[in-house]
Full PDB file with SEQRES, HELIX, SHEET, SSBOND, CRYST1, ORIGX, SCALE, CONECT and MASTER records, all heavy atoms in Angstrom:
SEQRES   1 A   31  ALA ARG ARG LEU VAL SER LEU ARG LEU ASP GLU TRP GLY          
SEQRES   2 A   31  HIS PRO TYR ASP GLY ARG LEU ASN GLU ALA VAL THR LEU          
SEQRES   3 A   31  ILE ALA ALA GLU LEU                                          
HELIX    1 AA1 ARG A    2  GLU A   11  1                                  10    
HELIX    2 AA2 ARG A   19  GLU A   30  1                                  12    
CRYST1    1.000    1.000    1.000  90.00  90.00  90.00 P 1           1          
ORIGX1      1.000000  0.000000  0.000000        0.00000                         
ORIGX2      0.000000  1.000000  0.000000        0.00000                         
ORIGX3      0.000000  0.000000  1.000000        0.00000                         
SCALE1      1.000000  0.000000  0.000000        0.00000                         
SCALE2      0.000000  1.000000  0.000000        0.00000                         
SCALE3      0.000000  0.000000  1.000000        0.00000                         
ATOM      1  N   ALA A   1       0.828  -1.197  -0.026  1.00  0.00           N  
ATOM      2  CA  ALA A   1       0.032   0.039  -0.027  1.00  0.00           C  
ATOM      3  C   ALA A   1       0.834   1.208   0.003  1.00  0.00           C  
ATOM      4  O   ALA A   1       0.635   2.170  -0.750  1.00  0.00           O  
ATOM      5  CB  ALA A   1      -0.899  -0.033   1.216  1.00  0.00           C  
ATOM      6  N   ARG A   2       1.815   1.305   0.873  1.00  0.00           N  
ATOM      7  CA  ARG A   2       2.790   2.366   0.981  1.00  0.00           C  
ATOM      8  C   ARG A   2       3.422   2.696  -0.420  1.00  0.00           C  
ATOM      9  O   ARG A   2       3.471   3.755  -0.890  1.00  0.00           O  
ATOM     10  CB  ARG A   2       3.770   2.202   1.995  1.00  0.00           C  
ATOM     11  CG  ARG A   2       4.795   3.382   2.128  1.00  0.00           C  
ATOM     12  CD  ARG A   2       6.038   3.016   3.005  1.00  0.00           C  
ATOM     13  NE  ARG A   2       6.955   2.202   2.186  1.00  0.00           N  
ATOM     14  CZ  ARG A   2       7.457   1.036   2.730  1.00  0.00           C  
ATOM     15  NH1 ARG A   2       7.197   0.545   3.871  1.00  0.00           N  
ATOM     16  NH2 ARG A   2       8.190   0.297   1.882  1.00  0.00           N  
ATOM     17  N   ARG A   3       4.015   1.641  -0.952  1.00  0.00           N  
ATOM     18  CA  ARG A   3       4.744   1.827  -2.263  1.00  0.00           C  
ATOM     19  C   ARG A   3       3.748   2.276  -3.448  1.00  0.00           C  
ATOM     20  O   ARG A   3       4.128   3.041  -4.151  1.00  0.00           O  
ATOM     21  CB  ARG A   3       5.280   0.419  -2.691  1.00  0.00           C  
ATOM     22  CG  ARG A   3       6.500   0.056  -1.811  1.00  0.00           C  
ATOM     23  CD  ARG A   3       7.119  -1.185  -2.220  1.00  0.00           C  
ATOM     24  NE  ARG A   3       8.341  -1.433  -1.456  1.00  0.00           N  
ATOM     25  CZ  ARG A   3       9.264  -2.256  -1.733  1.00  0.00           C  
ATOM     26  NH1 ARG A   3       9.050  -3.116  -2.794  1.00  0.00           N  
ATOM     27  NH2 ARG A   3      10.292  -2.398  -0.938  1.00  0.00           N  
ATOM     28  N   LEU A   4       2.566   1.735  -3.395  1.00  0.00           N  
ATOM     29  CA  LEU A   4       1.621   2.122  -4.440  1.00  0.00           C  
ATOM     30  C   LEU A   4       1.106   3.636  -4.319  1.00  0.00           C  
ATOM     31  O   LEU A   4       0.900   4.359  -5.274  1.00  0.00           O  
ATOM     32  CB  LEU A   4       0.397   1.153  -4.580  1.00  0.00           C  
ATOM     33  CG  LEU A   4       0.790  -0.183  -5.139  1.00  0.00           C  
ATOM     34  CD1 LEU A   4      -0.364  -1.177  -5.051  1.00  0.00           C  
ATOM     35  CD2 LEU A   4       1.342  -0.073  -6.545  1.00  0.00           C  
ATOM     36  N   VAL A   5       1.021   4.149  -2.990  1.00  0.00           N  
ATOM     37  CA  VAL A   5       0.658   5.458  -2.746  1.00  0.00           C  
ATOM     38  C   VAL A   5       1.758   6.420  -3.329  1.00  0.00           C  
ATOM     39  O   VAL A   5       1.524   7.363  -4.055  1.00  0.00           O  
ATOM     40  CB  VAL A   5       0.388   5.698  -1.283  1.00  0.00           C  
ATOM     41  CG1 VAL A   5       0.516   7.192  -0.974  1.00  0.00           C  
ATOM     42  CG2 VAL A   5      -0.937   5.109  -0.848  1.00  0.00           C  
ATOM     43  N   SER A   6       3.011   6.060  -3.096  1.00  0.00           N  
ATOM     44  CA  SER A   6       4.164   6.797  -3.554  1.00  0.00           C  
ATOM     45  C   SER A   6       4.172   6.889  -5.043  1.00  0.00           C  
ATOM     46  O   SER A   6       4.354   7.892  -5.668  1.00  0.00           O  
ATOM     47  CB  SER A   6       5.390   6.352  -2.810  1.00  0.00           C  
ATOM     48  OG  SER A   6       6.472   7.202  -3.167  1.00  0.00           O  
ATOM     49  N   LEU A   7       3.977   5.650  -5.639  1.00  0.00           N  
ATOM     50  CA  LEU A   7       4.098   5.601  -7.093  1.00  0.00           C  
ATOM     51  C   LEU A   7       2.902   6.431  -7.723  1.00  0.00           C  
ATOM     52  O   LEU A   7       3.117   7.248  -8.709  1.00  0.00           O  
ATOM     53  CB  LEU A   7       3.845   4.046  -7.561  1.00  0.00           C  
ATOM     54  CG  LEU A   7       3.746   3.847  -9.057  1.00  0.00           C  
ATOM     55  CD1 LEU A   7       4.923   4.155  -9.721  1.00  0.00           C  
ATOM     56  CD2 LEU A   7       3.280   2.434  -9.227  1.00  0.00           C  
ATOM     57  N   ARG A   8       1.699   6.235  -7.137  1.00  0.00           N  
ATOM     58  CA  ARG A   8       0.505   7.038  -7.745  1.00  0.00           C  
ATOM     59  C   ARG A   8       0.791   8.536  -7.669  1.00  0.00           C  
ATOM     60  O   ARG A   8       0.557   9.263  -8.541  1.00  0.00           O  
ATOM     61  CB  ARG A   8      -0.758   6.617  -7.020  1.00  0.00           C  
ATOM     62  CG  ARG A   8      -1.931   7.109  -7.662  1.00  0.00           C  
ATOM     63  CD  ARG A   8      -2.171   6.634  -9.131  1.00  0.00           C  
ATOM     64  NE  ARG A   8      -1.918   5.137  -9.117  1.00  0.00           N  
ATOM     65  CZ  ARG A   8      -2.596   4.270  -9.911  1.00  0.00           C  
ATOM     66  NH1 ARG A   8      -3.412   4.680 -10.818  1.00  0.00           N  
ATOM     67  NH2 ARG A   8      -2.348   3.070  -9.959  1.00  0.00           N  
ATOM     68  N   LEU A   9       1.303   9.005  -6.483  1.00  0.00           N  
ATOM     69  CA  LEU A   9       1.520  10.321  -6.343  1.00  0.00           C  
ATOM     70  C   LEU A   9       2.607  10.892  -7.324  1.00  0.00           C  
ATOM     71  O   LEU A   9       2.430  11.981  -7.843  1.00  0.00           O  
ATOM     72  CB  LEU A   9       1.955  10.741  -4.945  1.00  0.00           C  
ATOM     73  CG  LEU A   9       0.919  10.646  -3.764  1.00  0.00           C  
ATOM     74  CD1 LEU A   9       1.517  10.651  -2.456  1.00  0.00           C  
ATOM     75  CD2 LEU A   9      -0.173  11.726  -4.079  1.00  0.00           C  
ATOM     76  N   ASP A  10       3.561  10.073  -7.621  1.00  0.00           N  
ATOM     77  CA  ASP A  10       4.569  10.472  -8.483  1.00  0.00           C  
ATOM     78  C   ASP A  10       3.980  10.562  -9.969  1.00  0.00           C  
ATOM     79  O   ASP A  10       4.182  11.451 -10.669  1.00  0.00           O  
ATOM     80  CB  ASP A  10       5.711   9.404  -8.593  1.00  0.00           C  
ATOM     81  CG  ASP A  10       6.919   9.655  -9.504  1.00  0.00           C  
ATOM     82  OD1 ASP A  10       7.524  10.798  -9.301  1.00  0.00           O  
ATOM     83  OD2 ASP A  10       6.918   9.049 -10.470  1.00  0.00           O  
ATOM     84  N   GLU A  11       3.103   9.649 -10.233  1.00  0.00           N  
ATOM     85  CA  GLU A  11       2.403   9.685 -11.524  1.00  0.00           C  
ATOM     86  C   GLU A  11       1.430  10.864 -11.634  1.00  0.00           C  
ATOM     87  O   GLU A  11       1.245  11.366 -12.706  1.00  0.00           O  
ATOM     88  CB  GLU A  11       1.507   8.361 -11.745  1.00  0.00           C  
ATOM     89  CG  GLU A  11       2.365   7.116 -11.965  1.00  0.00           C  
ATOM     90  CD  GLU A  11       1.573   5.892 -11.974  1.00  0.00           C  
ATOM     91  OE1 GLU A  11       0.326   5.921 -11.657  1.00  0.00           O  
ATOM     92  OE2 GLU A  11       2.068   4.819 -12.351  1.00  0.00           O  
ATOM     93  N   TRP A  12       1.056  11.476 -10.550  1.00  0.00           N  
ATOM     94  CA  TRP A  12       0.130  12.589 -10.520  1.00  0.00           C  
ATOM     95  C   TRP A  12       0.974  13.932 -10.544  1.00  0.00           C  
ATOM     96  O   TRP A  12       0.362  14.928 -10.481  1.00  0.00           O  
ATOM     97  CB  TRP A  12      -0.792  12.597  -9.283  1.00  0.00           C  
ATOM     98  CG  TRP A  12      -1.833  11.507  -9.224  1.00  0.00           C  
ATOM     99  CD1 TRP A  12      -2.120  10.722 -10.310  1.00  0.00           C  
ATOM    100  CD2 TRP A  12      -2.696  11.241  -8.134  1.00  0.00           C  
ATOM    101  NE1 TRP A  12      -3.208   9.863  -9.915  1.00  0.00           N  
ATOM    102  CE2 TRP A  12      -3.532  10.202  -8.669  1.00  0.00           C  
ATOM    103  CE3 TRP A  12      -2.840  11.779  -6.928  1.00  0.00           C  
ATOM    104  CZ2 TRP A  12      -4.532   9.527  -7.783  1.00  0.00           C  
ATOM    105  CZ3 TRP A  12      -3.834  11.188  -6.142  1.00  0.00           C  
ATOM    106  CH2 TRP A  12      -4.629  10.123  -6.576  1.00  0.00           C  
ATOM    107  N   GLY A  13       2.335  13.755 -10.546  1.00  0.00           N  
ATOM    108  CA  GLY A  13       3.095  14.940 -10.660  1.00  0.00           C  
ATOM    109  C   GLY A  13       3.770  15.407  -9.434  1.00  0.00           C  
ATOM    110  O   GLY A  13       4.329  16.440  -9.323  1.00  0.00           O  
ATOM    111  N   HIS A  14       3.763  14.494  -8.409  1.00  0.00           N  
ATOM    112  CA  HIS A  14       4.414  14.854  -7.048  1.00  0.00           C  
ATOM    113  C   HIS A  14       5.535  13.875  -6.951  1.00  0.00           C  
ATOM    114  O   HIS A  14       5.336  12.694  -6.495  1.00  0.00           O  
ATOM    115  CB  HIS A  14       3.378  14.742  -6.034  1.00  0.00           C  
ATOM    116  CG  HIS A  14       2.145  15.574  -6.191  1.00  0.00           C  
ATOM    117  ND1 HIS A  14       2.217  16.988  -6.078  1.00  0.00           N  
ATOM    118  CD2 HIS A  14       0.913  15.231  -6.558  1.00  0.00           C  
ATOM    119  CE1 HIS A  14       1.072  17.409  -6.305  1.00  0.00           C  
ATOM    120  NE2 HIS A  14       0.277  16.402  -6.549  1.00  0.00           N  
ATOM    121  N   PRO A  15       6.725  14.326  -7.248  1.00  0.00           N  
ATOM    122  CA  PRO A  15       7.910  13.321  -7.257  1.00  0.00           C  
ATOM    123  C   PRO A  15       8.192  12.590  -5.947  1.00  0.00           C  
ATOM    124  O   PRO A  15       7.858  13.155  -4.898  1.00  0.00           O  
ATOM    125  CB  PRO A  15       9.064  14.295  -7.663  1.00  0.00           C  
ATOM    126  CG  PRO A  15       8.638  15.605  -7.553  1.00  0.00           C  
ATOM    127  CD  PRO A  15       7.104  15.681  -7.505  1.00  0.00           C  
ATOM    128  N   TYR A  16       8.777  11.472  -6.139  1.00  0.00           N  
ATOM    129  CA  TYR A  16       9.093  10.641  -4.917  1.00  0.00           C  
ATOM    130  C   TYR A  16       9.787  11.482  -3.826  1.00  0.00           C  
ATOM    131  O   TYR A  16       9.619  11.205  -2.629  1.00  0.00           O  
ATOM    132  CB  TYR A  16      10.018   9.539  -5.269  1.00  0.00           C  
ATOM    133  CG  TYR A  16       9.316   8.468  -6.164  1.00  0.00           C  
ATOM    134  CD1 TYR A  16       9.749   8.289  -7.597  1.00  0.00           C  
ATOM    135  CD2 TYR A  16       8.392   7.628  -5.709  1.00  0.00           C  
ATOM    136  CE1 TYR A  16       9.008   7.310  -8.355  1.00  0.00           C  
ATOM    137  CE2 TYR A  16       7.654   6.706  -6.583  1.00  0.00           C  
ATOM    138  CZ  TYR A  16       8.121   6.601  -7.799  1.00  0.00           C  
ATOM    139  OH  TYR A  16       7.452   5.598  -8.488  1.00  0.00           O  
ATOM    140  N   ASP A  17      10.730  12.312  -4.218  1.00  0.00           N  
ATOM    141  CA  ASP A  17      11.494  13.002  -3.272  1.00  0.00           C  
ATOM    142  C   ASP A  17      10.880  14.428  -2.884  1.00  0.00           C  
ATOM    143  O   ASP A  17      11.510  15.187  -2.122  1.00  0.00           O  
ATOM    144  CB  ASP A  17      12.908  13.227  -3.624  1.00  0.00           C  
ATOM    145  CG  ASP A  17      12.969  13.994  -4.990  1.00  0.00           C  
ATOM    146  OD1 ASP A  17      11.960  14.268  -5.587  1.00  0.00           O  
ATOM    147  OD2 ASP A  17      14.127  14.364  -5.258  1.00  0.00           O  
ATOM    148  N   GLY A  18       9.695  14.597  -3.310  1.00  0.00           N  
ATOM    149  CA  GLY A  18       8.978  15.939  -2.931  1.00  0.00           C  
ATOM    150  C   GLY A  18       8.273  15.769  -1.573  1.00  0.00           C  
ATOM    151  O   GLY A  18       7.926  14.714  -1.099  1.00  0.00           O  
ATOM    152  N   ARG A  19       8.162  16.955  -0.898  1.00  0.00           N  
ATOM    153  CA  ARG A  19       7.577  16.865   0.472  1.00  0.00           C  
ATOM    154  C   ARG A  19       6.173  16.361   0.457  1.00  0.00           C  
ATOM    155  O   ARG A  19       5.798  15.605   1.443  1.00  0.00           O  
ATOM    156  CB  ARG A  19       7.626  18.298   1.024  1.00  0.00           C  
ATOM    157  CG  ARG A  19       8.996  18.605   1.380  1.00  0.00           C  
ATOM    158  CD  ARG A  19       9.050  19.999   2.004  1.00  0.00           C  
ATOM    159  NE  ARG A  19      10.373  20.398   2.262  1.00  0.00           N  
ATOM    160  CZ  ARG A  19      10.908  21.681   2.128  1.00  0.00           C  
ATOM    161  NH1 ARG A  19       9.955  22.611   1.941  1.00  0.00           N  
ATOM    162  NH2 ARG A  19      12.164  21.957   2.340  1.00  0.00           N  
ATOM    163  N   LEU A  20       5.346  16.697  -0.507  1.00  0.00           N  
ATOM    164  CA  LEU A  20       3.939  16.146  -0.486  1.00  0.00           C  
ATOM    165  C   LEU A  20       3.948  14.658  -0.567  1.00  0.00           C  
ATOM    166  O   LEU A  20       3.224  13.944   0.186  1.00  0.00           O  
ATOM    167  CB  LEU A  20       3.097  16.726  -1.568  1.00  0.00           C  
ATOM    168  CG  LEU A  20       1.615  16.415  -1.493  1.00  0.00           C  
ATOM    169  CD1 LEU A  20       0.741  17.656  -1.519  1.00  0.00           C  
ATOM    170  CD2 LEU A  20       1.273  15.336  -2.579  1.00  0.00           C  
ATOM    171  N   ASN A  21       4.723  14.087  -1.535  1.00  0.00           N  
ATOM    172  CA  ASN A  21       4.767  12.634  -1.778  1.00  0.00           C  
ATOM    173  C   ASN A  21       5.297  11.989  -0.449  1.00  0.00           C  
ATOM    174  O   ASN A  21       4.690  11.029   0.140  1.00  0.00           O  
ATOM    175  CB  ASN A  21       5.680  12.301  -2.891  1.00  0.00           C  
ATOM    176  CG  ASN A  21       5.581  10.913  -3.297  1.00  0.00           C  
ATOM    177  OD1 ASN A  21       5.703   9.968  -2.417  1.00  0.00           O  
ATOM    178  ND2 ASN A  21       5.486  10.686  -4.652  1.00  0.00           N  
ATOM    179  N   GLU A  22       6.331  12.572   0.142  1.00  0.00           N  
ATOM    180  CA  GLU A  22       6.909  11.923   1.359  1.00  0.00           C  
ATOM    181  C   GLU A  22       5.937  12.015   2.549  1.00  0.00           C  
ATOM    182  O   GLU A  22       5.735  11.080   3.279  1.00  0.00           O  
ATOM    183  CB  GLU A  22       8.200  12.607   1.798  1.00  0.00           C  
ATOM    184  CG  GLU A  22       9.347  12.354   0.811  1.00  0.00           C  
ATOM    185  CD  GLU A  22      10.577  13.041   1.028  1.00  0.00           C  
ATOM    186  OE1 GLU A  22      10.624  14.040   1.842  1.00  0.00           O  
ATOM    187  OE2 GLU A  22      11.649  12.714   0.568  1.00  0.00           O  
ATOM    188  N   ALA A  23       5.227  13.171   2.733  1.00  0.00           N  
ATOM    189  CA  ALA A  23       4.217  13.257   3.830  1.00  0.00           C  
ATOM    190  C   ALA A  23       3.125  12.367   3.663  1.00  0.00           C  
ATOM    191  O   ALA A  23       2.699  11.594   4.534  1.00  0.00           O  
ATOM    192  CB  ALA A  23       3.812  14.738   4.025  1.00  0.00           C  
ATOM    193  N   VAL A  24       2.431  12.310   2.496  1.00  0.00           N  
ATOM    194  CA  VAL A  24       1.272  11.474   2.249  1.00  0.00           C  
ATOM    195  C   VAL A  24       1.592   9.911   2.198  1.00  0.00           C  
ATOM    196  O   VAL A  24       1.017   9.167   2.891  1.00  0.00           O  
ATOM    197  CB  VAL A  24       0.547  11.816   0.967  1.00  0.00           C  
ATOM    198  CG1 VAL A  24      -0.542  10.877   0.630  1.00  0.00           C  
ATOM    199  CG2 VAL A  24       0.041  13.294   0.929  1.00  0.00           C  
ATOM    200  N   THR A  25       2.916   9.640   1.756  1.00  0.00           N  
ATOM    201  CA  THR A  25       3.321   8.255   1.868  1.00  0.00           C  
ATOM    202  C   THR A  25       3.545   7.811   3.234  1.00  0.00           C  
ATOM    203  O   THR A  25       3.158   6.707   3.644  1.00  0.00           O  
ATOM    204  CB  THR A  25       4.576   8.087   0.954  1.00  0.00           C  
ATOM    205  OG1 THR A  25       4.271   8.381  -0.342  1.00  0.00           O  
ATOM    206  CG2 THR A  25       5.007   6.624   1.001  1.00  0.00           C  
ATOM    207  N   LEU A  26       4.152   8.728   4.112  1.00  0.00           N  
ATOM    208  CA  LEU A  26       4.353   8.330   5.570  1.00  0.00           C  
ATOM    209  C   LEU A  26       2.974   8.188   6.210  1.00  0.00           C  
ATOM    210  O   LEU A  26       2.797   7.279   7.073  1.00  0.00           O  
ATOM    211  CB  LEU A  26       5.166   9.339   6.141  1.00  0.00           C  
ATOM    212  CG  LEU A  26       5.584   9.064   7.707  1.00  0.00           C  
ATOM    213  CD1 LEU A  26       6.180   7.659   7.858  1.00  0.00           C  
ATOM    214  CD2 LEU A  26       6.482  10.142   8.198  1.00  0.00           C  
ATOM    215  N   ILE A  27       2.054   9.017   5.952  1.00  0.00           N  
ATOM    216  CA  ILE A  27       0.698   8.967   6.607  1.00  0.00           C  
ATOM    217  C   ILE A  27       0.088   7.665   6.175  1.00  0.00           C  
ATOM    218  O   ILE A  27      -0.463   6.883   6.964  1.00  0.00           O  
ATOM    219  CB  ILE A  27      -0.135  10.152   6.211  1.00  0.00           C  
ATOM    220  CG1 ILE A  27       0.418  11.466   6.878  1.00  0.00           C  
ATOM    221  CG2 ILE A  27      -1.600   9.936   6.580  1.00  0.00           C  
ATOM    222  CD1 ILE A  27      -0.233  12.665   6.284  1.00  0.00           C  
ATOM    223  N   ALA A  28       0.088   7.322   4.829  1.00  0.00           N  
ATOM    224  CA  ALA A  28      -0.472   6.015   4.419  1.00  0.00           C  
ATOM    225  C   ALA A  28       0.055   4.847   5.052  1.00  0.00           C  
ATOM    226  O   ALA A  28      -0.558   3.908   5.397  1.00  0.00           O  
ATOM    227  CB  ALA A  28      -0.358   5.943   2.863  1.00  0.00           C  
ATOM    228  N   ALA A  29       1.473   4.958   5.204  1.00  0.00           N  
ATOM    229  CA  ALA A  29       2.167   3.785   5.816  1.00  0.00           C  
ATOM    230  C   ALA A  29       1.734   3.646   7.281  1.00  0.00           C  
ATOM    231  O   ALA A  29       1.513   2.522   7.673  1.00  0.00           O  
ATOM    232  CB  ALA A  29       3.731   4.110   5.778  1.00  0.00           C  
ATOM    233  N   GLU A  30       1.657   4.763   7.957  1.00  0.00           N  
ATOM    234  CA  GLU A  30       1.226   4.600   9.365  1.00  0.00           C  
ATOM    235  C   GLU A  30      -0.263   4.118   9.501  1.00  0.00           C  
ATOM    236  O   GLU A  30      -0.509   3.241  10.404  1.00  0.00           O  
ATOM    237  CB  GLU A  30       1.305   6.000  10.024  1.00  0.00           C  
ATOM    238  CG  GLU A  30       2.786   6.396  10.247  1.00  0.00           C  
ATOM    239  CD  GLU A  30       3.521   5.451  11.168  1.00  0.00           C  
ATOM    240  OE1 GLU A  30       2.969   4.703  11.934  1.00  0.00           O  
ATOM    241  OE2 GLU A  30       4.825   5.436  10.996  1.00  0.00           O  
ATOM    242  N   LEU A  31      -1.107   4.655   8.661  1.00  0.00           N  
ATOM    243  CA  LEU A  31      -2.542   4.188   8.776  1.00  0.00           C  
ATOM    244  C   LEU A  31      -2.754   2.741   8.312  1.00  0.00           C  
ATOM    245  O   LEU A  31      -3.505   2.009   8.901  1.00  0.00           O  
ATOM    246  CB  LEU A  31      -3.364   5.079   7.868  1.00  0.00           C  
ATOM    247  CG  LEU A  31      -3.477   6.488   8.312  1.00  0.00           C  
ATOM    248  CD1 LEU A  31      -4.472   7.341   7.450  1.00  0.00           C  
ATOM    249  CD2 LEU A  31      -3.867   6.685   9.841  1.00  0.00           C  
TER     250      LEU A  31                                                      
MASTER        0    0    0    2    0    0    0    6  249    1    0    3          
END                                                                             
């Protein structure tokens, strides 16, 4: 789930190393 969230955000234009991608991916991982 965590990996697919990060991948999807990258596909939406939010790069893997961007703050939005990192924040949302961490939140998804915790949930």
